[in-house]
Amino acid sequence: MKQIAEFIPIIFFFIAYQMKGDTVSLGEWNYTMDGIFSATAVLIVATALQVLLTWIFTRELEKRLLWLLAAVCVFGGATLLFRDQTFIIWKPTVFNWVLALAFGASHFIGERNLMERTLGSQIELPKPIWTRLLWLWVGHFSVVGALNLVVAYQFSEAFWVSYKLYSAFGFTILLTVITGFMIAPHMSEEEAGTAAEVE
């Protein structure tokens, strides 16, 4: 459920971009949507609201969600301040590559990698499986970050905005399925029930 909620700001970003040229009226206030910049402002507000609502309903916040909010505010803010979409285009790449670096480095720091630290309290897995999962996720973050730049610089801005929405769903589903297949043979019925509740 939490994973689905994380797509909401991206959906709003996509919708706001599609409204390019439309005028939004609130009482006497009128604003003409100007594409990537209006969409970026909507993304910042939607992400901040998502974090706030997550905290209100769960009274806890994952560090990853806070880092995402920080990245959206920094790169989105720079996009609006300098009127240059390069910043928001690079945000997914930088965010994913930083995650890849953090996950990869965790293999060499401490006794447990980030995958085991994150999910170890819910699932018991052999050490080699934790390692394979770690490198799967490192590969995922690295590839997603690289593909973002390929699409951004080889295709139109409108195509990139659509790609950002659909790839977010597609890559997340693919990663979840592969992770599930790797974990499933090692899970007890009790752990499977706990994992299902977490999702």
C-alpha atoms as a PDB file:
ATOM      1  CA  MET A   1       0.000   0.000   0.000  1.00  0.00           C
ATOM      2  CA  LYS A   2       2.832   2.387   0.920  1.00  0.00           C
ATOM      3  CA  GLN A   3       4.517   1.681  -2.423  1.00  0.00           C
ATOM      4  CA  ILE A   4       1.355   2.665  -4.326  1.00  0.00           C
ATOM      5  CA  ALA A   5       1.099   5.914  -2.332  1.00  0.00           C
ATOM      6  CA  GLU A   6       4.619   6.833  -3.446  1.00  0.00           C
ATOM      7  CA  PHE A   7       3.422   7.022  -7.062  1.00  0.00           C
ATOM      8  CA  ILE A   8       0.852   9.736  -6.317  1.00  0.00           C
ATOM      9  CA  PRO A   9       3.257  12.734  -6.670  1.00  0.00           C
ATOM     10  CA  ILE A  10       4.490  11.340 -10.020  1.00  0.00           C
ATOM     11  CA  ILE A  11       0.894  10.972 -11.216  1.00  0.00           C
ATOM     12  CA  PHE A  12       0.181  14.593 -10.255  1.00  0.00           C
ATOM     13  CA  PHE A  13       3.397  15.670 -12.023  1.00  0.00           C
ATOM     14  CA  PHE A  14       2.225  13.879 -15.181  1.00  0.00           C
ATOM     15  CA  ILE A  15      -1.293  15.359 -15.026  1.00  0.00           C
ATOM     16  CA  ALA A  16       0.017  18.890 -14.416  1.00  0.00           C
ATOM     17  CA  TYR A  17       2.341  18.586 -17.417  1.00  0.00           C
ATOM     18  CA  GLN A  18      -0.548  17.437 -19.634  1.00  0.00           C
ATOM     19  CA  MET A  19      -2.459  20.605 -18.653  1.00  0.00           C
ATOM     20  CA  LYS A  20       0.142  22.790 -20.399  1.00  0.00           C
ATOM     21  CA  GLY A  21      -1.581  25.920 -21.718  1.00  0.00           C
ATOM     22  CA  ASP A  22      -4.700  25.392 -19.597  1.00  0.00           C
ATOM     23  CA  THR A  23      -5.782  28.082 -17.144  1.00  0.00           C
ATOM     24  CA  VAL A  24      -6.493  27.051 -13.583  1.00  0.00           C
ATOM     25  CA  SER A  25      -8.918  29.341 -11.735  1.00  0.00           C
ATOM     26  CA  LEU A  26      -9.408  29.598  -7.999  1.00  0.00           C
ATOM     27  CA  GLY A  27     -11.808  32.453  -7.331  1.00  0.00           C
ATOM     28  CA  GLU A  28     -10.213  35.588  -8.769  1.00  0.00           C
ATOM     29  CA  TRP A  29      -6.806  33.935  -9.065  1.00  0.00           C
ATOM     30  CA  ASN A  30      -5.933  32.558 -12.528  1.00  0.00           C
ATOM     31  CA  TYR A  31      -2.802  30.655 -13.456  1.00  0.00           C
ATOM     32  CA  THR A  32      -1.805  29.355 -16.880  1.00  0.00           C
ATOM     33  CA  MET A  33      -0.008  26.012 -16.659  1.00  0.00           C
ATOM     34  CA  ASP A  34       3.387  26.318 -18.347  1.00  0.00           C
ATOM     35  CA  GLY A  35       4.440  22.697 -18.721  1.00  0.00           C
ATOM     36  CA  ILE A  36       7.503  21.386 -16.928  1.00  0.00           C
ATOM     37  CA  PHE A  37       7.722  24.280 -14.456  1.00  0.00           C
ATOM     38  CA  SER A  38       4.109  24.044 -13.286  1.00  0.00           C
ATOM     39  CA  ALA A  39       4.473  20.251 -13.129  1.00  0.00           C
ATOM     40  CA  THR A  40       7.623  20.634 -11.020  1.00  0.00           C
ATOM     41  CA  ALA A  41       5.839  22.945  -8.560  1.00  0.00           C
ATOM     42  CA  VAL A  42       2.998  20.406  -8.314  1.00  0.00           C
ATOM     43  CA  LEU A  43       5.546  17.604  -7.738  1.00  0.00           C
ATOM     44  CA  ILE A  44       7.148  19.508  -4.840  1.00  0.00           C
ATOM     45  CA  VAL A  45       3.811  20.208  -3.156  1.00  0.00           C
ATOM     46  CA  ALA A  46       2.486  16.660  -3.755  1.00  0.00           C
ATOM     47  CA  THR A  47       5.665  15.058  -2.366  1.00  0.00           C
ATOM     48  CA  ALA A  48       5.600  17.287   0.730  1.00  0.00           C
ATOM     49  CA  LEU A  49       1.918  16.425   1.301  1.00  0.00           C
ATOM     50  CA  GLN A  50       2.647  12.724   0.824  1.00  0.00           C
ATOM     51  CA  VAL A  51       5.358  12.845   3.506  1.00  0.00           C
ATOM     52  CA  LEU A  52       3.113  14.826   5.856  1.00  0.00           C
ATOM     53  CA  LEU A  53       0.143  12.466   5.405  1.00  0.00           C
ATOM     54  CA  THR A  54       2.393   9.411   5.809  1.00  0.00           C
ATOM     55  CA  TRP A  55       3.600  10.790   9.126  1.00  0.00           C
ATOM     56  CA  ILE A  56       0.051  11.694  10.282  1.00  0.00           C
ATOM     57  CA  PHE A  57      -1.321   8.223   9.535  1.00  0.00           C
ATOM     58  CA  THR A  58       1.660   6.069  10.549  1.00  0.00           C
ATOM     59  CA  ARG A  59       3.603   8.306  12.957  1.00  0.00           C
ATOM     60  CA  GLU A  60       6.803   7.118  11.291  1.00  0.00           C
ATOM     61  CA  LEU A  61       8.812   8.082   8.219  1.00  0.00           C
ATOM     62  CA  GLU A  62      11.324   5.997   6.290  1.00  0.00           C
ATOM     63  CA  LYS A  63      14.648   7.707   5.688  1.00  0.00           C
ATOM     64  CA  ARG A  64      14.301   6.978   1.973  1.00  0.00           C
ATOM     65  CA  LEU A  65      11.074   9.007   1.850  1.00  0.00           C
ATOM     66  CA  LEU A  66      12.745  11.945   3.585  1.00  0.00           C
ATOM     67  CA  TRP A  67      15.685  11.763   1.182  1.00  0.00           C
ATOM     68  CA  LEU A  68      13.221  11.702  -1.725  1.00  0.00           C
ATOM     69  CA  LEU A  69      11.497  14.824  -0.390  1.00  0.00           C
ATOM     70  CA  ALA A  70      14.877  16.541   0.001  1.00  0.00           C
ATOM     71  CA  ALA A  71      15.876  15.613  -3.576  1.00  0.00           C
ATOM     72  CA  VAL A  72      12.553  16.839  -4.997  1.00  0.00           C
ATOM     73  CA  CYS A  73      12.817  20.127  -3.092  1.00  0.00           C
ATOM     74  CA  VAL A  74      16.469  20.741  -4.048  1.00  0.00           C
ATOM     75  CA  PHE A  75      16.259  19.756  -7.724  1.00  0.00           C
ATOM     76  CA  GLY A  76      12.707  21.022  -8.168  1.00  0.00           C
ATOM     77  CA  GLY A  77      13.519  24.267  -6.396  1.00  0.00           C
ATOM     78  CA  ALA A  78      16.566  24.800  -8.628  1.00  0.00           C
ATOM     79  CA  THR A  79      14.399  24.098 -11.698  1.00  0.00           C
ATOM     80  CA  LEU A  80      11.929  26.809 -10.673  1.00  0.00           C
ATOM     81  CA  LEU A  81      14.547  29.270  -9.451  1.00  0.00           C
ATOM     82  CA  PHE A  82      16.712  29.113 -12.582  1.00  0.00           C
ATOM     83  CA  ARG A  83      13.856  28.237 -14.980  1.00  0.00           C
ATOM     84  CA  ASP A  84      15.952  25.324 -16.224  1.00  0.00           C
ATOM     85  CA  GLN A  85      14.430  21.833 -16.494  1.00  0.00           C
ATOM     86  CA  THR A  86      17.870  20.204 -16.454  1.00  0.00           C
ATOM     87  CA  PHE A  87      17.718  19.999 -12.660  1.00  0.00           C
ATOM     88  CA  ILE A  88      14.409  18.105 -12.469  1.00  0.00           C
ATOM     89  CA  ILE A  89      15.489  15.861 -15.350  1.00  0.00           C
ATOM     90  CA  TRP A  90      18.650  14.868 -13.461  1.00  0.00           C
ATOM     91  CA  LYS A  91      16.820  14.320 -10.130  1.00  0.00           C
ATOM     92  CA  PRO A  92      15.783  10.666 -10.792  1.00  0.00           C
ATOM     93  CA  THR A  93      19.285   9.807 -11.996  1.00  0.00           C
ATOM     94  CA  VAL A  94      21.111  11.380  -9.058  1.00  0.00           C
ATOM     95  CA  PHE A  95      18.623   9.917  -6.545  1.00  0.00           C
ATOM     96  CA  ASN A  96      18.893   6.387  -8.000  1.00  0.00           C
ATOM     97  CA  TRP A  97      22.666   6.508  -8.327  1.00  0.00           C
ATOM     98  CA  VAL A  98      23.044   7.706  -4.727  1.00  0.00           C
ATOM     99  CA  LEU A  99      20.854   4.775  -3.626  1.00  0.00           C
ATOM    100  CA  ALA A 100      22.971   2.393  -5.721  1.00  0.00           C
ATOM    101  CA  LEU A 101      26.127   3.774  -4.114  1.00  0.00           C
ATOM    102  CA  ALA A 102      24.681   3.555  -0.586  1.00  0.00           C
ATOM    103  CA  PHE A 103      23.408  -0.010  -1.067  1.00  0.00           C
ATOM    104  CA  GLY A 104      26.637  -1.123  -2.738  1.00  0.00           C
ATOM    105  CA  ALA A 105      28.830   0.440  -0.045  1.00  0.00           C
ATOM    106  CA  SER A 106      26.789  -1.297   2.667  1.00  0.00           C
ATOM    107  CA  HIS A 107      28.160  -4.636   1.413  1.00  0.00           C
ATOM    108  CA  PHE A 108      31.595  -3.592   2.632  1.00  0.00           C
ATOM    109  CA  ILE A 109      30.533  -1.786   5.833  1.00  0.00           C
ATOM    110  CA  GLY A 110      29.315  -3.649   8.898  1.00  0.00           C
ATOM    111  CA  GLU A 111      28.088  -7.211   9.266  1.00  0.00           C
ATOM    112  CA  ARG A 112      24.730  -6.728   7.489  1.00  0.00           C
ATOM    113  CA  ASN A 113      24.073  -4.983   4.185  1.00  0.00           C
ATOM    114  CA  LEU A 114      21.233  -2.476   3.736  1.00  0.00           C
ATOM    115  CA  MET A 115      18.816  -5.109   2.429  1.00  0.00           C
ATOM    116  CA  GLU A 116      19.298  -7.224   5.528  1.00  0.00           C
ATOM    117  CA  ARG A 117      19.073  -4.204   7.824  1.00  0.00           C
ATOM    118  CA  THR A 118      15.836  -3.098   6.149  1.00  0.00           C
ATOM    119  CA  LEU A 119      14.031  -6.442   5.871  1.00  0.00           C
ATOM    120  CA  GLY A 120      15.944  -8.652   8.314  1.00  0.00           C
ATOM    121  CA  SER A 121      13.452  -8.114  11.135  1.00  0.00           C
ATOM    122  CA  GLN A 122      10.623  -9.440   8.922  1.00  0.00           C
ATOM    123  CA  ILE A 123      12.309 -12.212   6.940  1.00  0.00           C
ATOM    124  CA  GLU A 124      15.082 -14.684   7.723  1.00  0.00           C
ATOM    125  CA  LEU A 125      17.276 -15.456   4.736  1.00  0.00           C
ATOM    126  CA  PRO A 126      20.683 -17.102   4.206  1.00  0.00           C
ATOM    127  CA  LYS A 127      23.556 -14.636   3.877  1.00  0.00           C
ATOM    128  CA  PRO A 128      24.155 -15.400   0.150  1.00  0.00           C
ATOM    129  CA  ILE A 129      20.517 -14.526  -0.630  1.00  0.00           C
ATOM    130  CA  TRP A 130      20.836 -11.170   1.125  1.00  0.00           C
ATOM    131  CA  THR A 131      23.940 -10.516  -0.955  1.00  0.00           C
ATOM    132  CA  ARG A 132      22.192 -11.448  -4.216  1.00  0.00           C
ATOM    133  CA  LEU A 133      19.226  -9.246  -3.326  1.00  0.00           C
ATOM    134  CA  LEU A 134      21.571  -6.370  -2.543  1.00  0.00           C
ATOM    135  CA  TRP A 135      23.287  -6.536  -5.935  1.00  0.00           C
ATOM    136  CA  LEU A 136      19.934  -6.938  -7.690  1.00  0.00           C
ATOM    137  CA  TRP A 137      18.797  -3.660  -6.133  1.00  0.00           C
ATOM    138  CA  VAL A 138      22.131  -1.947  -6.834  1.00  0.00           C
ATOM    139  CA  GLY A 139      21.793  -2.996 -10.483  1.00  0.00           C
ATOM    140  CA  HIS A 140      18.194  -1.774 -10.551  1.00  0.00           C
ATOM    141  CA  PHE A 141      19.062   1.679  -9.210  1.00  0.00           C
ATOM    142  CA  SER A 142      22.055   1.980 -11.567  1.00  0.00           C
ATOM    143  CA  VAL A 143      20.109   0.994 -14.697  1.00  0.00           C
ATOM    144  CA  VAL A 144      17.057   3.127 -13.862  1.00  0.00           C
ATOM    145  CA  GLY A 145      19.298   6.141 -13.294  1.00  0.00           C
ATOM    146  CA  ALA A 146      21.115   5.639 -16.590  1.00  0.00           C
ATOM    147  CA  LEU A 147      17.932   5.024 -18.608  1.00  0.00           C
ATOM    148  CA  ASN A 148      16.458   8.265 -17.291  1.00  0.00           C
ATOM    149  CA  LEU A 149      19.274  10.215 -18.950  1.00  0.00           C
ATOM    150  CA  VAL A 150      19.062   8.227 -22.173  1.00  0.00           C
ATOM    151  CA  VAL A 151      15.356   8.985 -22.505  1.00  0.00           C
ATOM    152  CA  ALA A 152      15.737  12.626 -21.391  1.00  0.00           C
ATOM    153  CA  TYR A 153      18.429  13.415 -23.949  1.00  0.00           C
ATOM    154  CA  GLN A 154      17.346  11.207 -26.850  1.00  0.00           C
ATOM    155  CA  PHE A 155      13.605  11.942 -26.842  1.00  0.00           C
ATOM    156  CA  SER A 156      11.265  14.895 -26.399  1.00  0.00           C
ATOM    157  CA  GLU A 157      10.413  16.434 -23.052  1.00  0.00           C
ATOM    158  CA  ALA A 158       6.815  15.197 -23.345  1.00  0.00           C
ATOM    159  CA  PHE A 159       8.043  11.641 -23.963  1.00  0.00           C
ATOM    160  CA  TRP A 160      10.352  11.873 -20.931  1.00  0.00           C
ATOM    161  CA  VAL A 161       7.450  12.977 -18.696  1.00  0.00           C
ATOM    162  CA  SER A 162       5.375   9.973 -19.847  1.00  0.00           C
ATOM    163  CA  TYR A 163       8.368   7.664 -19.431  1.00  0.00           C
ATOM    164  CA  LYS A 164       8.886   8.961 -15.888  1.00  0.00           C
ATOM    165  CA  LEU A 165       5.344   7.893 -14.954  1.00  0.00           C
ATOM    166  CA  TYR A 166       5.163   4.524 -16.701  1.00  0.00           C
ATOM    167  CA  SER A 167       8.723   3.446 -15.911  1.00  0.00           C
ATOM    168  CA  ALA A 168       8.162   4.177 -12.223  1.00  0.00           C
ATOM    169  CA  PHE A 169       5.326   1.639 -12.203  1.00  0.00           C
ATOM    170  CA  GLY A 170       7.017  -0.833 -14.547  1.00  0.00           C
ATOM    171  CA  PHE A 171      10.438  -0.983 -12.904  1.00  0.00           C
ATOM    172  CA  THR A 172       8.951  -1.159  -9.397  1.00  0.00           C
ATOM    173  CA  ILE A 173       6.673  -4.056 -10.334  1.00  0.00           C
ATOM    174  CA  LEU A 174       9.527  -5.876 -12.078  1.00  0.00           C
ATOM    175  CA  LEU A 175      11.878  -5.417  -9.099  1.00  0.00           C
ATOM    176  CA  THR A 176       9.170  -6.546  -6.668  1.00  0.00           C
ATOM    177  CA  VAL A 177       8.429  -9.695  -8.699  1.00  0.00           C
ATOM    178  CA  ILE A 178      12.105 -10.682  -9.048  1.00  0.00           C
ATOM    179  CA  THR A 179      12.717  -9.996  -5.338  1.00  0.00           C
ATOM    180  CA  GLY A 180       9.660 -12.102  -4.470  1.00  0.00           C
ATOM    181  CA  PHE A 181      10.909 -15.029  -6.566  1.00  0.00           C
ATOM    182  CA  MET A 182      14.308 -14.871  -4.869  1.00  0.00           C
ATOM    183  CA  ILE A 183      12.824 -14.710  -1.369  1.00  0.00           C
ATOM    184  CA  ALA A 184       9.895 -17.146  -1.727  1.00  0.00           C
ATOM    185  CA  PRO A 185      11.808 -20.454  -1.478  1.00  0.00           C
ATOM    186  CA  HIS A 186      13.332 -19.363   1.833  1.00  0.00           C
ATOM    187  CA  MET A 187      10.203 -18.058   3.574  1.00  0.00           C
ATOM    188  CA  SER A 188       8.114 -19.865   6.158  1.00  0.00           C
ATOM    189  CA  GLU A 189       4.315 -19.514   6.080  1.00  0.00           C
ATOM    190  CA  GLU A 190       4.451 -17.142   9.054  1.00  0.00           C
ATOM    191  CA  GLU A 191       7.011 -14.906   7.340  1.00  0.00           C
ATOM    192  CA  ALA A 192       4.994 -14.918   4.111  1.00  0.00           C
ATOM    193  CA  GLY A 193       1.976 -13.655   6.057  1.00  0.00           C
ATOM    194  CA  THR A 194       4.053 -10.913   7.691  1.00  0.00           C
ATOM    195  CA  ALA A 195       5.518  -9.854   4.338  1.00  0.00           C
ATOM    196  CA  ALA A 196       2.045  -9.673   2.795  1.00  0.00           C
ATOM    197  CA  GLU A 197       0.863  -7.420   5.662  1.00  0.00           C
ATOM    198  CA  VAL A 198       3.870  -5.119   5.170  1.00  0.00           C
ATOM    199  CA  GLU A 199       3.114  -4.715   1.464  1.00  0.00           C
END
